[in-house]
Amino acid sequence: MTDDTLTAGPERARPGDVRLCLTGDVMSGRGIDQVLRHPGDPTIHEPWVRSSCDYVELAEQRSGPIPRGAHPDYVWGHALDVLDERQPDAFVVNLETAVTDRGTPSRDKGIHYRMHPANSELLTAAGVDVAVLANNHVLDWSVPGLEQTLDVLHDVGIPTVGAGRNIHEAWQPAVTSTASGATVLVIAAGTPSSGIPPGWAAREDRSGVAFLRDLSDNTIARIATMITASAGPDDVVVMSLHWGRNWGYEILPQHRHFAHELIDRAGVHVVHGHSSHHPLGIEVHHGHPILYGCGDVVTDYEGIHGHERYRSELGALYMVDLDATRTVRQLELVPTKMERFRLNRPSSDDVRWLAATLAREGAPLGTTVTTRDNATIAVHW
């Protein structure tokens, strides 16, 4: 099977359409950082592991040799072919690591991710348009680490959202313009259920993350007010949420209600959820997609044991096409497989396994799936 099979995907965006590419967790710190061109200090402060290099060795024991000093293109692998073929108007990722060589390990956490600032080229190489920082690893190296992360990403031209030097900056939408002239606004926030310590919440006088202490009607009203003040009538509004557990397929009723209210009351067009280490069921509510959990994309989990039944090495690029009314016209996943710290094209069996899982989990949410050429997964509602 050649890369030419990608051209058999869904029809191209029409005038007025906007194509988004959304992913779950890009965990490019720790072991991934060590195989890139500018590895940082490998010292980490975990209960059982003291060096990020140990995660590289674990992955090699499972899958084979991994190059050192790798070009950023190596890690993205198959994903770069997909992005080049699909040409999304906006590529939005959840960047779940600090980009820093400063700071001290957060006392609130037992696991600390960081990527050397020079390895920010990993993100620019893939053309990332927005980096979501509302997650439970961006402050792993405390406030100095977060503030350097903001500086580094802004210096290389990547807008950030969901964290900032104060509460206003943390909640400020990221704005990106498309080639067609449309504007995409991304708002991001995290919840306690994802493991974000409440003390990480941004304040008037402190850097931190946009933190949702609850999913109440008052919270919906505040978000609705923010969107009304920020978004124009033709803009695309994406709400990116770091919520829920790392493992397991259950979607909490309060999460589903909150997602519905974001669409019905706050004017959100796409709900982009992450935190789960594997893809969750998908819903389309009143013409708007809810991606409850997009799973991991780039991680160093390859040699870690304990949750094999979830197949967390299988991720996806979520291609969302919205029409001129900003309702979803087509929704397709292009699966990826993390192997030797590289995103590879998964096998036909892998694609079928992921499709069967999404069909099972999507059924209670009103969605079904089909596979195309054993390479992509189309969602139907």
Protein backbone atom coordinates (compact mmCIF):
# COMPACT_ATOMS: atom_id res chain seq x y z
CA MET A 1 0.00 0.00 0.00
CA THR A 2 1.49 3.34 -1.04
CA ASP A 3 0.90 6.88 0.16
CA ASP A 4 -1.29 7.30 -2.94
CA THR A 5 -4.07 5.55 -1.02
CA LEU A 6 -4.51 8.71 1.01
CA THR A 7 -6.00 10.41 -2.02
CA ALA A 8 -8.95 8.02 -1.80
CA GLY A 9 -10.12 9.79 1.34
CA PRO A 10 -13.11 12.10 1.74
CA GLU A 11 -13.84 14.80 -0.79
CA ARG A 12 -11.93 18.03 -0.62
CA ALA A 13 -13.24 20.97 1.36
CA ARG A 14 -15.69 23.15 -0.57
CA PRO A 15 -15.72 26.96 -0.62
CA GLY A 16 -16.68 28.16 2.85
CA ASP A 17 -15.62 24.88 4.49
CA VAL A 18 -12.98 24.72 7.21
CA ARG A 19 -10.89 21.59 7.73
CA LEU A 20 -9.46 21.05 11.20
CA CYS A 21 -6.89 18.47 12.22
CA LEU A 22 -7.10 17.74 15.95
CA THR A 23 -5.00 15.36 18.03
CA GLY A 24 -4.80 14.21 21.58
CA ASP A 25 -1.66 14.23 23.69
CA VAL A 26 1.69 15.15 22.18
CA MET A 27 3.93 14.04 25.05
CA SER A 28 7.23 15.05 23.51
CA GLY A 29 9.20 15.30 26.73
CA ARG A 30 11.18 12.69 28.63
CA GLY A 31 12.14 9.78 26.32
CA ILE A 32 11.10 11.53 23.08
CA ASP A 33 13.24 14.53 24.00
CA GLN A 34 16.27 12.28 24.47
CA VAL A 35 16.24 10.95 20.88
CA LEU A 36 15.86 14.36 19.22
CA ARG A 37 18.68 16.63 18.03
CA HIS A 38 18.89 18.65 21.25
CA PRO A 39 18.34 16.33 24.22
CA GLY A 40 18.00 18.07 27.56
CA ASP A 41 19.12 16.96 31.00
CA PRO A 42 17.73 13.41 31.29
CA THR A 43 17.42 13.58 35.08
CA ILE A 44 13.87 12.97 36.27
CA HIS A 45 12.38 12.52 39.71
CA GLU A 46 10.06 9.54 39.51
CA PRO A 47 9.72 6.85 42.19
CA TRP A 48 11.25 4.08 40.05
CA VAL A 49 13.05 5.83 37.18
CA ARG A 50 15.76 8.46 37.48
CA SER A 51 16.68 9.03 33.84
CA SER A 52 14.58 9.75 30.77
CA CYS A 53 17.00 7.52 28.86
CA ASP A 54 15.48 4.52 30.63
CA TYR A 55 12.25 5.06 28.65
CA VAL A 56 14.22 4.93 25.42
CA GLU A 57 15.81 1.65 26.47
CA LEU A 58 12.43 0.16 27.43
CA ALA A 59 11.03 1.04 24.00
CA GLU A 60 14.07 -0.46 22.26
CA GLN A 61 13.67 -3.68 24.23
CA ARG A 62 10.15 -3.95 22.86
CA SER A 63 10.46 -2.69 19.29
CA GLY A 64 14.09 -2.39 18.25
CA PRO A 65 16.74 0.32 17.84
CA ILE A 66 15.76 3.97 17.93
CA PRO A 67 18.08 6.55 16.32
CA ARG A 68 19.64 9.27 18.45
CA GLY A 69 19.88 12.86 17.26
CA ALA A 70 16.77 12.24 15.16
CA HIS A 71 15.38 14.90 12.87
CA PRO A 72 11.86 16.04 13.90
CA ASP A 73 10.49 14.43 10.73
CA TYR A 74 11.51 11.05 12.14
CA VAL A 75 9.07 11.25 15.05
CA TRP A 76 6.11 12.47 12.96
CA GLY A 77 6.72 9.90 10.23
CA HIS A 78 3.44 8.87 8.56
CA ALA A 79 1.62 11.85 10.08
CA LEU A 80 3.55 14.24 7.85
CA ASP A 81 2.29 12.43 4.75
CA VAL A 82 -1.26 12.70 6.07
CA LEU A 83 -0.95 16.41 6.85
CA ASP A 84 0.58 17.11 3.46
CA GLU A 85 -2.21 15.23 1.70
CA ARG A 86 -5.15 16.58 3.72
CA GLN A 87 -3.92 20.19 4.06
CA PRO A 88 -5.93 21.16 7.16
CA ASP A 89 -6.72 24.82 7.71
CA ALA A 90 -5.71 24.49 11.37
CA PHE A 91 -3.66 21.81 13.16
CA VAL A 92 -4.38 21.83 16.91
CA VAL A 93 -2.54 19.59 19.41
CA ASN A 94 -2.58 19.12 23.15
CA LEU A 95 1.08 19.71 24.02
CA GLU A 96 1.48 17.78 27.23
CA THR A 97 4.97 18.78 28.29
CA ALA A 98 6.90 21.80 29.48
CA VAL A 99 9.34 23.18 26.91
CA THR A 100 12.07 24.28 29.25
CA ASP A 101 15.53 23.81 30.68
CA ARG A 102 14.67 25.83 33.79
CA GLY A 103 12.60 25.38 36.90
CA THR A 104 12.39 22.74 39.60
CA PRO A 105 10.13 19.66 39.66
CA SER A 106 6.65 20.46 40.89
CA ARG A 107 5.98 19.06 44.34
CA ASP A 108 2.38 18.43 43.30
CA LYS A 109 3.44 15.73 40.83
CA GLY A 110 5.30 12.44 40.78
CA ILE A 111 5.97 12.45 37.02
CA HIS A 112 7.61 15.38 35.24
CA TYR A 113 7.76 15.98 31.49
CA ARG A 114 10.00 18.49 29.76
CA MET A 115 11.40 18.99 26.29
CA HIS A 116 14.51 21.04 25.56
CA PRO A 117 13.59 24.45 24.08
CA ALA A 118 15.63 23.80 20.93
CA ASN A 119 13.48 20.75 20.26
CA SER A 120 10.50 23.05 19.68
CA GLU A 121 11.42 22.37 16.05
CA LEU A 122 9.43 19.16 16.50
CA LEU A 123 6.28 21.28 16.53
CA THR A 124 7.22 23.65 13.73
CA ALA A 125 8.24 20.72 11.53
CA ALA A 126 4.64 19.46 11.63
CA GLY A 127 3.13 22.89 11.11
CA VAL A 128 1.33 23.00 14.45
CA ASP A 129 -1.00 26.03 14.40
CA VAL A 130 -2.17 26.00 18.04
CA ALA A 131 -0.62 24.34 21.09
CA VAL A 132 -3.08 23.64 23.90
CA LEU A 133 -1.38 23.93 27.29
CA ALA A 134 -4.33 23.35 29.63
CA ASN A 135 -3.14 20.00 30.94
CA ASN A 136 -1.52 18.27 33.90
CA HIS A 137 2.11 18.40 32.69
CA VAL A 138 2.71 21.98 31.53
CA LEU A 139 3.65 23.06 35.08
CA ASP A 140 5.73 19.98 35.86
CA TRP A 141 8.76 22.25 36.15
CA SER A 142 6.92 24.90 38.13
CA VAL A 143 6.15 28.48 37.10
CA PRO A 144 9.60 29.23 35.56
CA GLY A 145 9.18 26.18 33.35
CA LEU A 146 5.73 27.28 32.20
CA GLU A 147 6.85 30.83 31.51
CA GLN A 148 9.77 29.63 29.41
CA THR A 149 7.40 27.31 27.56
CA LEU A 150 5.24 30.30 26.64
CA ASP A 151 8.26 32.31 25.51
CA VAL A 152 9.73 29.49 23.41
CA LEU A 153 6.49 28.67 21.61
CA HIS A 154 5.67 32.29 20.93
CA ASP A 155 9.21 32.91 19.66
CA VAL A 156 8.79 30.16 17.04
CA GLY A 157 5.38 31.50 16.04
CA ILE A 158 3.07 28.93 17.65
CA PRO A 159 0.05 30.43 19.45
CA THR A 160 -0.71 28.90 22.83
CA VAL A 161 -3.98 28.61 24.72
CA GLY A 162 -5.08 27.34 28.11
CA ALA A 163 -2.13 28.67 30.14
CA GLY A 164 -0.58 32.07 30.72
CA ARG A 165 1.12 34.49 33.03
CA ASN A 166 -2.19 35.39 34.61
CA ILE A 167 -5.81 34.28 34.47
CA HIS A 168 -6.64 36.63 31.61
CA GLU A 169 -3.84 35.32 29.39
CA ALA A 170 -4.68 31.72 30.29
CA TRP A 171 -8.27 32.16 29.11
CA GLN A 172 -7.43 34.27 26.06
CA PRO A 173 -8.49 32.40 22.89
CA ALA A 174 -5.86 31.41 20.37
CA VAL A 175 -6.74 32.79 16.96
CA THR A 176 -5.58 31.42 13.62
CA SER A 177 -6.63 32.50 10.16
CA THR A 178 -7.23 30.02 7.35
CA ALA A 179 -6.25 30.33 3.70
CA SER A 180 -9.90 30.87 2.82
CA GLY A 181 -10.09 33.85 5.15
CA ALA A 182 -12.03 32.10 7.93
CA THR A 183 -10.93 32.47 11.52
CA VAL A 184 -10.57 29.62 14.02
CA LEU A 185 -10.76 30.45 17.73
CA VAL A 186 -9.54 27.88 20.23
CA ILE A 187 -10.38 28.11 23.92
CA ALA A 188 -8.84 25.59 26.32
CA ALA A 189 -9.28 24.58 29.93
CA GLY A 190 -8.63 21.64 32.21
CA THR A 191 -10.52 19.94 35.02
CA PRO A 192 -9.46 18.27 38.28
CA SER A 193 -10.52 14.88 36.85
CA SER A 194 -7.51 14.93 34.51
CA GLY A 195 -5.05 15.25 37.37
CA ILE A 196 -4.42 19.01 37.19
CA PRO A 197 -3.67 20.17 40.74
CA PRO A 198 -6.06 22.97 41.79
CA GLY A 199 -3.03 25.00 42.84
CA TRP A 200 -2.00 25.22 39.18
CA ALA A 201 -4.95 27.47 38.36
CA ALA A 202 -3.91 30.81 36.89
CA ARG A 203 -4.73 33.84 39.04
CA GLU A 204 -4.61 37.58 38.63
CA ASP A 205 -1.07 37.58 40.02
CA ARG A 206 0.19 34.10 39.14
CA SER A 207 0.99 32.09 36.04
CA GLY A 208 -0.99 28.91 35.57
CA VAL A 209 -3.61 27.06 33.56
CA ALA A 210 -7.21 27.87 32.68
CA PHE A 211 -8.88 25.70 35.30
CA LEU A 212 -12.50 24.57 35.47
CA ARG A 213 -13.33 24.00 39.11
CA ASP A 214 -16.78 22.74 38.13
CA LEU A 215 -18.95 22.02 35.10
CA SER A 216 -21.91 24.05 36.31
CA ASP A 217 -24.42 26.24 34.49
CA ASN A 218 -22.50 29.26 35.78
CA THR A 219 -19.35 27.97 34.11
CA ILE A 220 -21.22 27.54 30.83
CA ALA A 221 -22.54 31.10 31.14
CA ARG A 222 -19.02 32.48 31.64
CA ILE A 223 -17.71 30.62 28.60
CA ALA A 224 -20.68 31.79 26.54
CA THR A 225 -19.96 35.38 27.49
CA MET A 226 -16.32 34.96 26.50
CA ILE A 227 -17.23 33.49 23.11
CA THR A 228 -19.78 36.22 22.41
CA ALA A 229 -17.10 38.84 23.09
CA SER A 230 -14.42 37.12 21.00
CA ALA A 231 -16.00 35.32 18.04
CA GLY A 232 -17.50 36.75 14.88
CA PRO A 233 -20.57 35.21 13.23
CA ASP A 234 -18.52 33.23 10.68
CA ASP A 235 -15.72 32.16 13.02
CA VAL A 236 -15.12 28.54 14.00
CA VAL A 237 -15.04 28.02 17.79
CA VAL A 238 -13.20 25.02 19.24
CA MET A 239 -13.36 24.24 22.97
CA SER A 240 -10.39 22.09 23.99
CA LEU A 241 -10.83 20.24 27.29
CA HIS A 242 -8.36 18.22 29.32
CA TRP A 243 -10.67 16.03 31.37
CA GLY A 244 -11.28 12.52 32.61
CA ARG A 245 -9.13 9.58 33.52
CA ASN A 246 -6.14 8.25 31.61
CA TRP A 247 -7.55 4.74 31.19
CA GLY A 248 -11.05 3.40 30.62
CA TYR A 249 -13.85 4.09 28.14
CA GLU A 250 -16.53 5.46 30.45
CA ILE A 251 -17.81 8.93 29.58
CA LEU A 252 -19.18 10.61 32.67
CA PRO A 253 -22.76 11.90 32.40
CA GLN A 254 -21.63 15.33 33.61
CA HIS A 255 -19.04 15.48 30.82
CA ARG A 256 -21.64 14.64 28.22
CA HIS A 257 -24.08 17.23 29.61
CA PHE A 258 -21.35 19.88 29.73
CA ALA A 259 -20.34 19.18 26.12
CA HIS A 260 -23.97 19.48 24.99
CA GLU A 261 -24.35 22.77 26.83
CA LEU A 262 -21.15 24.14 25.28
CA ILE A 263 -22.73 23.58 21.89
CA ASP A 264 -26.33 24.56 22.69
CA ARG A 265 -25.71 27.55 24.96
CA ALA A 266 -22.13 28.73 24.51
CA GLY A 267 -21.85 28.58 20.72
CA VAL A 268 -19.04 26.03 20.48
CA HIS A 269 -18.74 24.24 17.12
CA VAL A 270 -16.27 21.49 18.06
CA VAL A 271 -15.49 19.97 21.47
CA HIS A 272 -11.91 18.67 21.50
CA GLY A 273 -11.35 16.40 24.50
CA HIS A 274 -8.11 14.81 25.69
CA SER A 275 -6.46 13.19 28.72
CA SER A 276 -7.35 9.57 27.98
CA HIS A 277 -4.35 7.60 26.72
CA HIS A 278 -6.53 5.93 24.07
CA PRO A 279 -9.35 7.18 21.82
CA LEU A 280 -12.85 7.34 23.32
CA GLY A 281 -16.29 7.24 21.75
CA ILE A 282 -17.37 10.09 19.48
CA GLU A 283 -20.70 11.93 19.43
CA VAL A 284 -22.22 14.44 17.01
CA HIS A 285 -24.69 16.69 18.83
CA HIS A 286 -26.94 18.94 16.77
CA GLY A 287 -24.42 18.84 13.94
CA HIS A 288 -21.33 19.46 16.06
CA PRO A 289 -18.67 16.84 16.88
CA ILE A 290 -17.74 15.95 20.43
CA LEU A 291 -14.40 14.16 20.64
CA TYR A 292 -14.51 13.04 24.26
CA GLY A 293 -10.93 11.75 24.23
CA CYS A 294 -8.50 11.79 21.30
CA GLY A 295 -5.95 9.49 22.92
CA ASP A 296 -2.17 9.77 22.76
CA VAL A 297 -0.31 10.57 19.57
CA VAL A 298 3.37 11.14 20.40
CA THR A 299 4.49 9.40 23.62
CA ASP A 300 7.36 7.46 25.16
CA TYR A 301 5.03 4.81 26.65
CA GLU A 302 6.14 2.15 24.18
CA GLY A 303 7.95 -0.10 26.62
CA ILE A 304 5.66 0.41 29.63
CA HIS A 305 3.48 -2.51 30.66
CA GLY A 306 0.15 -2.67 32.46
CA HIS A 307 -2.53 -1.34 30.10
CA GLU A 308 -1.90 -3.31 26.92
CA ARG A 309 -5.59 -4.03 26.32
CA TYR A 310 -6.21 -0.37 25.50
CA ARG A 311 -3.67 -0.38 22.65
CA SER A 312 -2.46 3.13 23.52
CA GLU A 313 0.15 2.93 20.76
CA LEU A 314 -2.75 3.46 18.33
CA GLY A 315 -3.61 7.13 17.99
CA ALA A 316 -5.22 9.19 15.26
CA LEU A 317 -5.34 12.46 13.43
CA TYR A 318 -8.95 13.65 13.61
CA MET A 319 -9.96 15.39 10.37
CA VAL A 320 -13.06 17.53 10.92
CA ASP A 321 -14.66 19.28 7.94
CA LEU A 322 -17.14 22.02 8.83
CA ASP A 323 -19.38 23.61 6.22
CA ALA A 324 -20.20 27.28 5.83
CA THR A 325 -22.82 27.01 8.60
CA ARG A 326 -20.09 25.56 10.87
CA THR A 327 -21.81 22.21 11.26
CA VAL A 328 -19.83 19.06 10.55
CA ARG A 329 -19.93 17.79 6.97
CA GLN A 330 -17.55 14.89 7.38
CA LEU A 331 -15.43 13.45 10.16
CA GLU A 332 -12.62 10.99 9.58
CA LEU A 333 -9.80 9.54 11.65
CA VAL A 334 -6.44 8.67 10.14
CA PRO A 335 -4.94 6.13 12.57
CA THR A 336 -1.28 6.16 13.55
CA LYS A 337 0.88 3.70 15.43
CA MET A 338 3.73 4.73 17.73
CA GLU A 339 6.61 2.31 17.23
CA ARG A 340 10.32 2.97 17.81
CA PHE A 341 9.24 6.50 18.83
CA ARG A 342 7.89 7.13 15.33
CA LEU A 343 4.35 7.54 14.03
CA ASN A 344 3.89 4.73 11.53
CA ARG A 345 1.05 3.63 9.29
CA PRO A 346 -0.78 0.95 11.29
CA SER A 347 -1.56 -2.45 9.84
CA SER A 348 -4.98 -3.33 8.46
CA ASP A 349 -5.64 -5.40 11.59
CA ASP A 350 -4.74 -2.42 13.77
CA VAL A 351 -7.15 -0.16 11.88
CA ARG A 352 -9.92 -2.73 12.14
CA TRP A 353 -9.32 -3.12 15.88
CA LEU A 354 -9.54 0.64 16.43
CA ALA A 355 -12.64 0.89 14.23
CA ALA A 356 -14.37 -1.91 16.17
CA THR A 357 -13.54 -0.16 19.44
CA LEU A 358 -14.90 3.18 18.22
CA ALA A 359 -18.03 1.47 16.89
CA ARG A 360 -18.63 -0.21 20.24
CA GLU A 361 -18.06 2.96 22.24
CA GLY A 362 -19.87 5.22 19.78
CA ALA A 363 -23.07 3.16 19.61
CA PRO A 364 -24.53 4.57 22.86
CA LEU A 365 -23.63 8.05 21.57
CA GLY A 366 -25.38 7.60 18.23
CA THR A 367 -22.35 7.13 15.96
CA THR A 368 -21.13 4.31 13.75
CA VAL A 369 -17.93 3.95 11.74
CA THR A 370 -16.68 2.42 8.51
CA THR A 371 -13.14 1.84 7.31
CA ARG A 372 -11.79 3.01 3.97
CA ASP A 373 -8.98 1.05 2.30
CA ASN A 374 -8.08 -0.34 5.75
CA ALA A 375 -6.31 2.99 6.29
CA THR A 376 -8.87 5.48 7.60
CA ILE A 377 -12.02 5.45 9.75
CA ALA A 378 -15.06 7.48 8.74
CA VAL A 379 -17.57 8.45 11.44
CA HIS A 380 -21.31 8.45 10.69
CA TRP A 381 -24.17 9.82 12.74
